[in-house]
Amino acid sequence: MEIKAHQADRFVANPPPGLAAALIYGPDQGSVRERATVLAKTIVPDLNDPFRVADLDEAALDADPARLWDEAAALSMIGGRRVVRVRGAGNALAKDFERFLSDPKGDALIVVEAGELAKSAALRRVFEDADNAAAVPCYPDSERDLSEVLRAGLKTHGLTIDDDALHYAVSRLGSDRGVTRSELEKLALYAMGGKSVTAADVASVMGDESELRMDETFDAAGEGDYALLDTSLARLWMAGTSPVGVLRQAMTHFQRLLLVRSEADEGNNAAAAIKKLRPPLHFSRENSFRAQLSRWPAEKLQEALAYLYEAETLVKTTAVPAEAVTSRALLSVAALAKK
């Protein structure tokens, strides 16, 4: 069966009876791991239990395909249903799972983790077409999803979050659920003892060197500074920064420029519009932001955003090198700034 993205969390928390296997897949590997863990814990609360949990990967099943049947049929020495986790699965295992699901052995729940899979991918089709299995997609969180994750996560620590702080945090997250959870835990620990998380708290926890490098990258693109852009991109890739994260932050930057540009074009005060931005623009970037504002007309900003949207789509739907696509898009934006 095919599970829709908005149904994923509810499905893994309360799987239907008779489910023999589930494929958790998608570009957001943090979400893949989290949902696979939630699903597995509905059967075995302690996933470190060696009697009730077996961990496999694609290489192990390639070397010994019969092991899937053996592990699924194995009985726990202490009783209870078992879980078999298969990590890093790919289309090479599609035929094995098709045979298994047509006549599953034992009562173990098979939880399969995979990366991004196209609609036509053989492994995905096997799980979507089977009545006793499910394919659960994991895509990067939307702003609304991130807001809910942050609010709910902070609530468990007895904390609320200001609206400005929430917008500030959301603008710096989203490419990976695992990263979001990690940043959330750091933020909760930092704000512990208070009642509400402020924008200053978020800046202290998330305003790290990586963020400063990204701001430098977007300002370089907005000013048409090829040399600085090339250098700052190289630093981002050396630091292991997510290309999708860079593209999303770049879109936020140029959307903010467009917002202020539109205000100015309507006869409103640009300086006042900049002051109204949420999260607020850091004082160290105001001169660069004003310089970019004078360089970019609204229609060119729309064109720059189109480059970035196209790059994100390309990164998320094809196997092209993500860093190269992101770099090319930002260099194209810098070329627009030069014009």
Foldseek 3Di string as FASTA:
>chain_A
DEDDQVCQQVCLQPPDPLAAEEEEEEAFQQVLVVSLLNNQCVFPVDQVPPQAEAEEEPVVCVVPVCVVQVVQQDARPVGGAHEYEYEADALVCLVSVLVCLVPPHHRHYYYYYHYHDDPPRSNQCSQVVGPNYYYHYDAWDDLVRLLVVLQVLLVVLQAGEDPLLSQLLSLQDTSHVNVSVVLSVVLSVQCPPDHYRYNVSSCVRRVDPLVVLLVQLLLCLLQLPVVSNVVSLVVCVVVVHDLLSSLSNSLVLLVLLLQLLVCVVVVHDSVVSQCPDGVHDPPVCVVSSVSSSVQDHNVLSVVLSVLSVVLSCCVRNHPPPSSVSSSVSSNVSSVSSVD
